[in-house]
Amino acid sequence: MNLETLTYSRQNGWSIQPFPQLDSERTLIIVFGASEFCDDAEPIRELKRAFPLSHFTGCSTSGEIFQDQVADSTLSVAIARFEHTDLATASSSVSSAGVSFEAGAELATKLTREDLKAILVLSDGLNVNGSDLVRGLNSCLPESVVVTGGLAGDGDRFKRTWVLDGDAPEVGRISAVGLYGNNVQVGHGSKGGWDIFGPERTVTRSVDNVLYELDGKPALQIYKEYLGDRADGLPATALLFPLALRAPDDDAKELVRTVLAVDEATQSMTFAGNVVEGHKAQLMRANFERLIEGASEAARRTRKGDAGSAETLAIAISCVGRRLILGERAEEEIEASLEGLPAGTRQIGFYSYGEISPYASGHCDLHNQTMTLTTITED
């Protein structure tokens, strides 16, 4: 695999010119960028003109990751030309959260092939039910296929996200790339690092990803009691207090959910993934050192079957809530993830509205407020 990474900013242009000569039908180009590039996509079209044969994917962000740095209003790009790995891309329209399962199943069906090794999926971040999207993907794929990715971001604005479809940023799209063959090696790891606090409560009323009641009390009311003065900043301030969910008979698997919207009239909260009735829920809050250690642990988990000296691309997808909590220390978690990866790894990524990765192994899950890492190498 030949690998190059580069950035773009409107002030300085491209960090590398001319572009590397890596265009081919086995070249994957990943583009993460600010939501404003939906209005002026000329830099992305410039890439497409330079790489007409290549496969493109990408999405908007709540901050772009490049090596050990975090930026805004830029593009973070990886160009990977494989020697022995086939690629295929597919996309699906998603007009509302209610079609998320069908969209996931459609993408999986389009990409299914006997030698399918992994899928990278990037989704609209606002009009999608991430849990249903993941269920749709899993319904059509064997556990042996590694599925990772995330939900596009828009800073802390929650107004508009885009996903790259060809060379055009599009609203209301989901894009996926399939990697095929035995030569490509895909590692994955995820870790949170939040502290649990307050009593464990039972989800007593919910519909899909809308939570109405905890222990028979209005969910929004409970959140406001914990947020205090910060309640005026909802839904953004709810990112500081995500929800930990577990099935009542499963103490081992704990998924994190983050808030996308609130409804004062119904005292409900809409999350990035499903909140299942009967599940146990508990509030979480930040611990700076544990968040950063979580990034290191995510990196360590990718290194099963380390490829040694092979060129490695790392895709870091972390939650916007983590960035808001860490503030100026956000780069510390990016540094920690990179330090935990093989020497010479090229890292790009973004801050998201939801992260997709297996919890440990097998089928993928939707995560929130979690650092996830995907590593790609080729034998």
Foldseek 3Di string as FASTA:
>chain_A
DDKDKWKAAPVPGIPDPPDDPQADLQKEKEKEAAQCCLVPLVSLVVVCVSRVNYHYKYKYFLWKDWQLDTDHRMMIMMIDHDDPKGKDKDKDFQPAQVCLLVRLLVRLVVQDDPFWQEKEKEEAQQRHAQQSNLNSVQVRDWQRYWYWYAYHDHRLPLDFMFIDDNSHTDTRMMMMMTIGDDFKDKFKFKFFQWAFDDDKWFQADDDWQKGQDTNRHGPLVVVCVVCPVCNVVPPSVQLQKWKWKDAPVDPPDIFTWGFSHADPVRSMTGISHTDDGGIIITITHDDQVRRLVRLLRRLLRRCDVNPPPFAKEKEKEAASSNCVVCPVCVSSSSNNNSVNHDPNYTYIYHHHRWIWGCNRGTRIGIHHNMIMMMMMGGD
